[in-house]
PDB file of N, CA and C in Angstrom:
ATOM      1  N   MET A   1      56.021  51.759 -80.532  1.00  0.00           N
ATOM      2  CA  MET A   1      55.237  52.316 -79.441  1.00  0.00           C
ATOM      3  C   MET A   1      54.999  53.799 -79.702  1.00  0.00           C
ATOM      4  N   GLN A   2      53.818  54.248 -79.353  1.00  0.00           N
ATOM      5  CA  GLN A   2      53.425  55.650 -79.496  1.00  0.00           C
ATOM      6  C   GLN A   2      53.195  56.227 -78.109  1.00  0.00           C
ATOM      7  N   THR A   3      53.719  57.425 -77.852  1.00  0.00           N
ATOM      8  CA  THR A   3      53.430  58.139 -76.609  1.00  0.00           C
ATOM      9  C   THR A   3      52.549  59.333 -76.942  1.00  0.00           C
ATOM     10  N   ILE A   4      51.357  59.331 -76.358  1.00  0.00           N
ATOM     11  CA  ILE A   4      50.406  60.427 -76.547  1.00  0.00           C
ATOM     12  C   ILE A   4      50.652  61.434 -75.437  1.00  0.00           C
ATOM     13  N   LYS A   5      50.944  62.672 -75.805  1.00  0.00           N
ATOM     14  CA  LYS A   5      51.120  63.754 -74.830  1.00  0.00           C
ATOM     15  C   LYS A   5      49.923  64.673 -74.976  1.00  0.00           C
ATOM     16  N   TYR A   6      49.285  64.970 -73.839  1.00  0.00           N
ATOM     17  CA  TYR A   6      48.024  65.717 -73.889  1.00  0.00           C
ATOM     18  C   TYR A   6      47.970  66.717 -72.746  1.00  0.00           C
ATOM     19  N   ALA A   7      47.522  67.925 -73.051  1.00  0.00           N
ATOM     20  CA  ALA A   7      47.302  68.965 -72.048  1.00  0.00           C
ATOM     21  C   ALA A   7      45.805  69.004 -71.744  1.00  0.00           C
ATOM     22  N   PRO A   8      45.384  68.430 -70.614  1.00  0.00           N
ATOM     23  CA  PRO A   8      43.952  68.379 -70.297  1.00  0.00           C
ATOM     24  C   PRO A   8      43.366  69.764 -70.039  1.00  0.00           C
ATOM     25  N   ARG A   9      42.069  69.880 -70.288  1.00  0.00           N
ATOM     26  CA  ARG A   9      41.361  71.149 -70.089  1.00  0.00           C
ATOM     27  C   ARG A   9      40.194  70.938 -69.124  1.00  0.00           C
ATOM     28  N   GLY A  10      40.039  71.887 -68.203  1.00  0.00           N
ATOM     29  CA  GLY A  10      38.890  71.864 -67.306  1.00  0.00           C
ATOM     30  C   GLY A  10      39.027  70.949 -66.101  1.00  0.00           C
ATOM     31  N   VAL A  11      40.245  70.453 -65.833  1.00  0.00           N
ATOM     32  CA  VAL A  11      40.477  69.567 -64.690  1.00  0.00           C
ATOM     33  C   VAL A  11      41.732  70.019 -63.939  1.00  0.00           C
ATOM     34  N   CYS A  12      41.993  69.402 -62.811  1.00  0.00           N
ATOM     35  CA  CYS A  12      43.154  69.757 -61.989  1.00  0.00           C
ATOM     36  C   CYS A  12      44.474  69.265 -62.582  1.00  0.00           C
ATOM     37  N   SER A  13      44.439  68.186 -63.332  1.00  0.00           N
ATOM     38  CA  SER A  13      45.653  67.627 -63.931  1.00  0.00           C
ATOM     39  C   SER A  13      46.254  68.624 -64.916  1.00  0.00           C
ATOM     40  N   ARG A  14      47.602  68.631 -64.982  1.00  0.00           N
ATOM     41  CA  ARG A  14      48.291  69.571 -65.858  1.00  0.00           C
ATOM     42  C   ARG A  14      48.808  68.927 -67.138  1.00  0.00           C
ATOM     43  N   SER A  15      49.115  67.654 -67.097  1.00  0.00           N
ATOM     44  CA  SER A  15      49.570  66.969 -68.305  1.00  0.00           C
ATOM     45  C   SER A  15      49.323  65.467 -68.186  1.00  0.00           C
ATOM     46  N   MET A  16      49.173  64.836 -69.354  1.00  0.00           N
ATOM     47  CA  MET A  16      48.932  63.398 -69.410  1.00  0.00           C
ATOM     48  C   MET A  16      49.808  62.809 -70.501  1.00  0.00           C
ATOM     49  N   GLU A  17      50.384  61.646 -70.221  1.00  0.00           N
ATOM     50  CA  GLU A  17      51.139  60.895 -71.220  1.00  0.00           C
ATOM     51  C   GLU A  17      50.650  59.457 -71.192  1.00  0.00           C
ATOM     52  N   ILE A  18      50.364  58.936 -72.360  1.00  0.00           N
ATOM     53  CA  ILE A  18      49.844  57.568 -72.464  1.00  0.00           C
ATOM     54  C   ILE A  18      50.686  56.821 -73.489  1.00  0.00           C
ATOM     55  N   ASP A  19      51.270  55.702 -73.081  1.00  0.00           N
ATOM     56  CA  ASP A  19      52.029  54.848 -73.994  1.00  0.00           C
ATOM     57  C   ASP A  19      51.086  53.794 -74.558  1.00  0.00           C
ATOM     58  N   VAL A  20      51.044  53.706 -75.889  1.00  0.00           N
ATOM     59  CA  VAL A  20      50.149  52.776 -76.578  1.00  0.00           C
ATOM     60  C   VAL A  20      50.950  51.979 -77.607  1.00  0.00           C
ATOM     61  N   GLU A  21      50.656  50.694 -77.685  1.00  0.00           N
ATOM     62  CA  GLU A  21      51.269  49.853 -78.715  1.00  0.00           C
ATOM     63  C   GLU A  21      50.229  48.881 -79.246  1.00  0.00           C
ATOM     64  N   ASP A  22      50.072  48.858 -80.556  1.00  0.00           N
ATOM     65  CA  ASP A  22      49.117  47.956 -81.208  1.00  0.00           C
ATOM     66  C   ASP A  22      47.718  48.043 -80.606  1.00  0.00           C
ATOM     67  N   GLY A  23      47.280  49.272 -80.288  1.00  0.00           N
ATOM     68  CA  GLY A  23      45.930  49.472 -79.780  1.00  0.00           C
ATOM     69  C   GLY A  23      45.732  49.134 -78.311  1.00  0.00           C
ATOM     70  N   THR A  24      46.839  48.860 -77.590  1.00  0.00           N
ATOM     71  CA  THR A  24      46.763  48.511 -76.171  1.00  0.00           C
ATOM     72  C   THR A  24      47.527  49.538 -75.342  1.00  0.00           C
ATOM     73  N   ILE A  25      46.942  49.952 -74.227  1.00  0.00           N
ATOM     74  CA  ILE A  25      47.583  50.911 -73.329  1.00  0.00           C
ATOM     75  C   ILE A  25      48.642  50.189 -72.508  1.00  0.00           C
ATOM     76  N   LEU A  26      49.874  50.717 -72.568  1.00  0.00           N
ATOM     77  CA  LEU A  26      50.984  50.134 -71.810  1.00  0.00           C
ATOM     78  C   LEU A  26      51.211  50.856 -70.485  1.00  0.00           C
ATOM     79  N   ALA A  27      51.058  52.186 -70.489  1.00  0.00           N
ATOM     80  CA  ALA A  27      51.303  52.976 -69.282  1.00  0.00           C
ATOM     81  C   ALA A  27      50.593  54.317 -69.397  1.00  0.00           C
ATOM     82  N   VAL A  28      50.232  54.872 -68.239  1.00  0.00           N
ATOM     83  CA  VAL A  28      49.597  56.185 -68.163  1.00  0.00           C
ATOM     84  C   VAL A  28      50.296  56.978 -67.065  1.00  0.00           C
ATOM     85  N   ARG A  29      50.701  58.215 -67.398  1.00  0.00           N
ATOM     86  CA  ARG A  29      51.317  59.105 -66.421  1.00  0.00           C
ATOM     87  C   ARG A  29      50.550  60.429 -66.420  1.00  0.00           C
ATOM     88  N   VAL A  30      50.166  60.888 -65.230  1.00  0.00           N
ATOM     89  CA  VAL A  30      49.404  62.130 -65.107  1.00  0.00           C
ATOM     90  C   VAL A  30      50.104  63.017 -64.087  1.00  0.00           C
ATOM     91  N   LEU A  31      50.314  64.270 -64.457  1.00  0.00           N
ATOM     92  CA  LEU A  31      50.923  65.245 -63.558  1.00  0.00           C
ATOM     93  C   LEU A  31      49.815  66.124 -63.002  1.00  0.00           C
ATOM     94  N   GLY A  32      49.714  66.195 -61.680  1.00  0.00           N
ATOM     95  CA  GLY A  32      48.672  66.975 -61.036  1.00  0.00           C
ATOM     96  C   GLY A  32      47.420  66.133 -60.838  1.00  0.00           C
ATOM     97  N   GLY A  33      46.412  66.722 -60.270  1.00  0.00           N
ATOM     98  CA  GLY A  33      45.165  65.996 -60.036  1.00  0.00           C
ATOM     99  C   GLY A  33      45.194  65.225 -58.732  1.00  0.00           C
ATOM    100  N   CYS A  34      44.230  64.370 -58.541  1.00  0.00           N
ATOM    101  CA  CYS A  34      44.090  63.566 -57.324  1.00  0.00           C
ATOM    102  C   CYS A  34      44.992  62.334 -57.438  1.00  0.00           C
ATOM    103  N   SER A  35      46.112  62.371 -56.793  1.00  0.00           N
ATOM    104  CA  SER A  35      47.161  61.367 -56.970  1.00  0.00           C
ATOM    105  C   SER A  35      46.680  59.930 -56.819  1.00  0.00           C
ATOM    106  N   GLY A  36      46.012  59.620 -55.724  1.00  0.00           N
ATOM    107  CA  GLY A  36      45.574  58.243 -55.486  1.00  0.00           C
ATOM    108  C   GLY A  36      44.608  57.752 -56.540  1.00  0.00           C
ATOM    109  N   ASN A  37      43.634  58.588 -56.885  1.00  0.00           N
ATOM    110  CA  ASN A  37      42.651  58.202 -57.905  1.00  0.00           C
ATOM    111  C   ASN A  37      43.322  57.975 -59.256  1.00  0.00           C
ATOM    112  N   LEU A  38      44.247  58.855 -59.611  1.00  0.00           N
ATOM    113  CA  LEU A  38      44.887  58.736 -60.916  1.00  0.00           C
ATOM    114  C   LEU A  38      45.872  57.572 -60.959  1.00  0.00           C
ATOM    115  N   GLN A  39      46.510  57.259 -59.839  1.00  0.00           N
ATOM    116  CA  GLN A  39      47.375  56.074 -59.800  1.00  0.00           C
ATOM    117  C   GLN A  39      46.531  54.814 -59.999  1.00  0.00           C
ATOM    118  N   GLY A  40      45.382  54.769 -59.344  1.00  0.00           N
ATOM    119  CA  GLY A  40      44.486  53.625 -59.503  1.00  0.00           C
ATOM    120  C   GLY A  40      43.978  53.515 -60.923  1.00  0.00           C
ATOM    121  N   LEU A  41      43.565  54.633 -61.498  1.00  0.00           N
ATOM    122  CA  LEU A  41      43.076  54.644 -62.869  1.00  0.00           C
ATOM    123  C   LEU A  41      44.172  54.190 -63.833  1.00  0.00           C
ATOM    124  N   SER A  42      45.378  54.696 -63.629  1.00  0.00           N
ATOM    125  CA  SER A  42      46.503  54.311 -64.479  1.00  0.00           C
ATOM    126  C   SER A  42      46.759  52.814 -64.411  1.00  0.00           C
ATOM    127  N   SER A  43      46.687  52.262 -63.219  1.00  0.00           N
ATOM    128  CA  SER A  43      46.908  50.828 -63.044  1.00  0.00           C
ATOM    129  C   SER A  43      45.810  50.014 -63.734  1.00  0.00           C
ATOM    130  N   LEU A  44      44.577  50.456 -63.624  1.00  0.00           N
ATOM    131  CA  LEU A  44      43.463  49.737 -64.246  1.00  0.00           C
ATOM    132  C   LEU A  44      43.512  49.784 -65.773  1.00  0.00           C
ATOM    133  N   LEU A  45      44.060  50.868 -66.322  1.00  0.00           N
ATOM    134  CA  LEU A  45      44.101  51.020 -67.775  1.00  0.00           C
ATOM    135  C   LEU A  45      45.186  50.187 -68.440  1.00  0.00           C
ATOM    136  N   LYS A  46      46.227  49.814 -67.703  1.00  0.00           N
ATOM    137  CA  LYS A  46      47.324  49.020 -68.288  1.00  0.00           C
ATOM    138  C   LYS A  46      46.773  47.722 -68.851  1.00  0.00           C
ATOM    139  N   GLY A  47      47.086  47.472 -70.123  1.00  0.00           N
ATOM    140  CA  GLY A  47      46.637  46.256 -70.783  1.00  0.00           C
ATOM    141  C   GLY A  47      45.268  46.360 -71.431  1.00  0.00           C
ATOM    142  N   MET A  48      44.567  47.468 -71.215  1.00  0.00           N
ATOM    143  CA  MET A  48      43.233  47.656 -71.795  1.00  0.00           C
ATOM    144  C   MET A  48      43.369  48.190 -73.220  1.00  0.00           C
ATOM    145  N   SER A  49      42.439  47.813 -74.072  1.00  0.00           N
ATOM    146  CA  SER A  49      42.460  48.348 -75.433  1.00  0.00           C
ATOM    147  C   SER A  49      42.061  49.821 -75.402  1.00  0.00           C
ATOM    148  N   VAL A  50      42.582  50.564 -76.348  1.00  0.00           N
ATOM    149  CA  VAL A  50      42.264  51.987 -76.459  1.00  0.00           C
ATOM    150  C   VAL A  50      40.763  52.171 -76.632  1.00  0.00           C
ATOM    151  N   GLU A  51      40.145  51.364 -77.474  1.00  0.00           N
ATOM    152  CA  GLU A  51      38.711  51.510 -77.734  1.00  0.00           C
ATOM    153  C   GLU A  51      37.869  51.239 -76.484  1.00  0.00           C
ATOM    154  N   ASP A  52      38.233  50.219 -75.712  1.00  0.00           N
ATOM    155  CA  ASP A  52      37.509  49.936 -74.463  1.00  0.00           C
ATOM    156  C   ASP A  52      37.672  51.072 -73.471  1.00  0.00           C
ATOM    157  N   ALA A  53      38.885  51.610 -73.365  1.00  0.00           N
ATOM    158  CA  ALA A  53      39.143  52.705 -72.428  1.00  0.00           C
ATOM    159  C   ALA A  53      38.312  53.928 -72.787  1.00  0.00           C
ATOM    160  N   ILE A  54      38.259  54.262 -74.064  1.00  0.00           N
ATOM    161  CA  ILE A  54      37.449  55.411 -74.501  1.00  0.00           C
ATOM    162  C   ILE A  54      35.986  55.174 -74.159  1.00  0.00           C
ATOM    163  N   ALA A  55      35.487  54.003 -74.476  1.00  0.00           N
ATOM    164  CA  ALA A  55      34.071  53.685 -74.226  1.00  0.00           C
ATOM    165  C   ALA A  55      33.726  53.771 -72.745  1.00  0.00           C
ATOM    166  N   ARG A  56      34.647  53.380 -71.884  1.00  0.00           N
ATOM    167  CA  ARG A  56      34.367  53.374 -70.447  1.00  0.00           C
ATOM    168  C   ARG A  56      34.519  54.743 -69.788  1.00  0.00           C
ATOM    169  N   MET A  57      35.408  55.592 -70.311  1.00  0.00           N
ATOM    170  CA  MET A  57      35.730  56.851 -69.628  1.00  0.00           C
ATOM    171  C   MET A  57      35.082  58.093 -70.230  1.00  0.00           C
ATOM    172  N   GLU A  58      34.791  58.066 -71.523  1.00  0.00           N
ATOM    173  CA  GLU A  58      34.271  59.265 -72.173  1.00  0.00           C
ATOM    174  C   GLU A  58      32.933  59.679 -71.560  1.00  0.00           C
ATOM    175  N   GLY A  59      32.820  60.966 -71.252  1.00  0.00           N
ATOM    176  CA  GLY A  59      31.574  61.509 -70.725  1.00  0.00           C
ATOM    177  C   GLY A  59      31.476  61.526 -69.206  1.00  0.00           C
ATOM    178  N   ILE A  60      32.454  60.953 -68.498  1.00  0.00           N
ATOM    179  CA  ILE A  60      32.431  60.991 -67.036  1.00  0.00           C
ATOM    180  C   ILE A  60      32.661  62.429 -66.589  1.00  0.00           C
ATOM    181  N   ARG A  61      31.864  62.864 -65.643  1.00  0.00           N
ATOM    182  CA  ARG A  61      31.967  64.226 -65.125  1.00  0.00           C
ATOM    183  C   ARG A  61      32.535  64.215 -63.712  1.00  0.00           C
ATOM    184  N   CYS A  62      33.132  65.331 -63.310  1.00  0.00           N
ATOM    185  CA  CYS A  62      33.651  65.508 -61.954  1.00  0.00           C
ATOM    186  C   CYS A  62      32.815  66.599 -61.293  1.00  0.00           C
ATOM    187  N   GLY A  63      31.909  66.181 -60.401  1.00  0.00           N
ATOM    188  CA  GLY A  63      31.025  67.152 -59.748  1.00  0.00           C
ATOM    189  C   GLY A  63      30.210  67.904 -60.783  1.00  0.00           C
ATOM    190  N   MET A  64      30.253  69.215 -60.708  1.00  0.00           N
ATOM    191  CA  MET A  64      29.500  70.058 -61.631  1.00  0.00           C
ATOM    192  C   MET A  64      30.286  70.383 -62.904  1.00  0.00           C
ATOM    193  N   LYS A  65      31.533  69.942 -62.989  1.00  0.00           N
ATOM    194  CA  LYS A  65      32.342  70.200 -64.180  1.00  0.00           C
ATOM    195  C   LYS A  65      31.810  69.372 -65.350  1.00  0.00           C
ATOM    196  N   PRO A  66      31.939  69.883 -66.560  1.00  0.00           N
ATOM    197  CA  PRO A  66      31.466  69.132 -67.721  1.00  0.00           C
ATOM    198  C   PRO A  66      32.418  68.012 -68.156  1.00  0.00           C
ATOM    199  N   THR A  67      33.535  67.871 -67.454  1.00  0.00           N
ATOM    200  CA  THR A  67      34.541  66.869 -67.795  1.00  0.00           C
ATOM    201  C   THR A  67      35.172  66.329 -66.521  1.00  0.00           C
ATOM    202  N   SER A  68      36.139  65.439 -66.667  1.00  0.00           N
ATOM    203  CA  SER A  68      36.866  64.855 -65.542  1.00  0.00           C
ATOM    204  C   SER A  68      38.207  64.359 -66.065  1.00  0.00           C
ATOM    205  N   CYS A  69      39.080  63.917 -65.170  1.00  0.00           N
ATOM    206  CA  CYS A  69      40.352  63.344 -65.624  1.00  0.00           C
ATOM    207  C   CYS A  69      40.128  62.097 -66.487  1.00  0.00           C
ATOM    208  N   PRO A  70      39.226  61.179 -66.105  1.00  0.00           N
ATOM    209  CA  PRO A  70      38.975  60.048 -66.997  1.00  0.00           C
ATOM    210  C   PRO A  70      38.465  60.494 -68.375  1.00  0.00           C
ATOM    211  N   ASP A  71      37.559  61.465 -68.418  1.00  0.00           N
ATOM    212  CA  ASP A  71      37.056  61.968 -69.688  1.00  0.00           C
ATOM    213  C   ASP A  71      38.187  62.586 -70.500  1.00  0.00           C
ATOM    214  N   GLN A  72      39.070  63.316 -69.849  1.00  0.00           N
ATOM    215  CA  GLN A  72      40.205  63.929 -70.552  1.00  0.00           C
ATOM    216  C   GLN A  72      41.169  62.866 -71.072  1.00  0.00           C
ATOM    217  N   LEU A  73      41.351  61.773 -70.336  1.00  0.00           N
ATOM    218  CA  LEU A  73      42.172  60.655 -70.844  1.00  0.00           C
ATOM    219  C   LEU A  73      41.527  60.076 -72.101  1.00  0.00           C
ATOM    220  N   ALA A  74      40.199  59.956 -72.103  1.00  0.00           N
ATOM    221  CA  ALA A  74      39.496  59.463 -73.283  1.00  0.00           C
ATOM    222  C   ALA A  74      39.699  60.423 -74.454  1.00  0.00           C
ATOM    223  N   GLN A  75      39.646  61.715 -74.200  1.00  0.00           N
ATOM    224  CA  GLN A  75      39.866  62.703 -75.256  1.00  0.00           C
ATOM    225  C   GLN A  75      41.280  62.602 -75.792  1.00  0.00           C
ATOM    226  N   ALA A  76      42.250  62.377 -74.907  1.00  0.00           N
ATOM    227  CA  ALA A  76      43.649  62.205 -75.339  1.00  0.00           C
ATOM    228  C   ALA A  76      43.773  61.008 -76.269  1.00  0.00           C
ATOM    229  N   LEU A  77      43.147  59.905 -75.889  1.00  0.00           N
ATOM    230  CA  LEU A  77      43.196  58.696 -76.717  1.00  0.00           C
ATOM    231  C   LEU A  77      42.511  58.932 -78.062  1.00  0.00           C
ATOM    232  N   LYS A  78      41.386  59.622 -78.052  1.00  0.00           N
ATOM    233  CA  LYS A  78      40.668  59.909 -79.295  1.00  0.00           C
ATOM    234  C   LYS A  78      41.482  60.804 -80.216  1.00  0.00           C
ATOM    235  N   SER A  79      42.232  61.740 -79.641  1.00  0.00           N
ATOM    236  CA  SER A  79      43.016  62.669 -80.454  1.00  0.00           C
ATOM    237  C   SER A  79      44.135  61.970 -81.214  1.00  0.00           C
ATOM    238  N   ALA A  80      44.539  60.807 -80.754  1.00  0.00           N
ATOM    239  CA  ALA A  80      45.651  60.084 -81.376  1.00  0.00           C
ATOM    240  C   ALA A  80      45.190  59.020 -82.367  1.00  0.00           C
ATOM    241  N   ARG A  81      43.910  58.885 -82.579  1.00  0.00           N
ATOM    242  CA  ARG A  81      43.396  57.873 -83.521  1.00  0.00           C
ATOM    243  C   ARG A  81      43.874  58.148 -84.924  1.00  0.00           C
TER     244      ARG A  81
END
């Protein structure tokens, strides 16, 4: 199992950890940010392939920001390829 530790940029979240095994997301933990939204996102990502998660989340924006927590999760996953 691999744990990806990532410091997101441009969002409210302060840190992200993603457990991955054989290309599948096992767990996602996010410190800071919108708790309910991130708990829901974490639950939805469990069991999803890394490639599917990147494809679905990359490029999502939060309001006028050029990024979002989902986009930053995609960047975290991409950084560990």
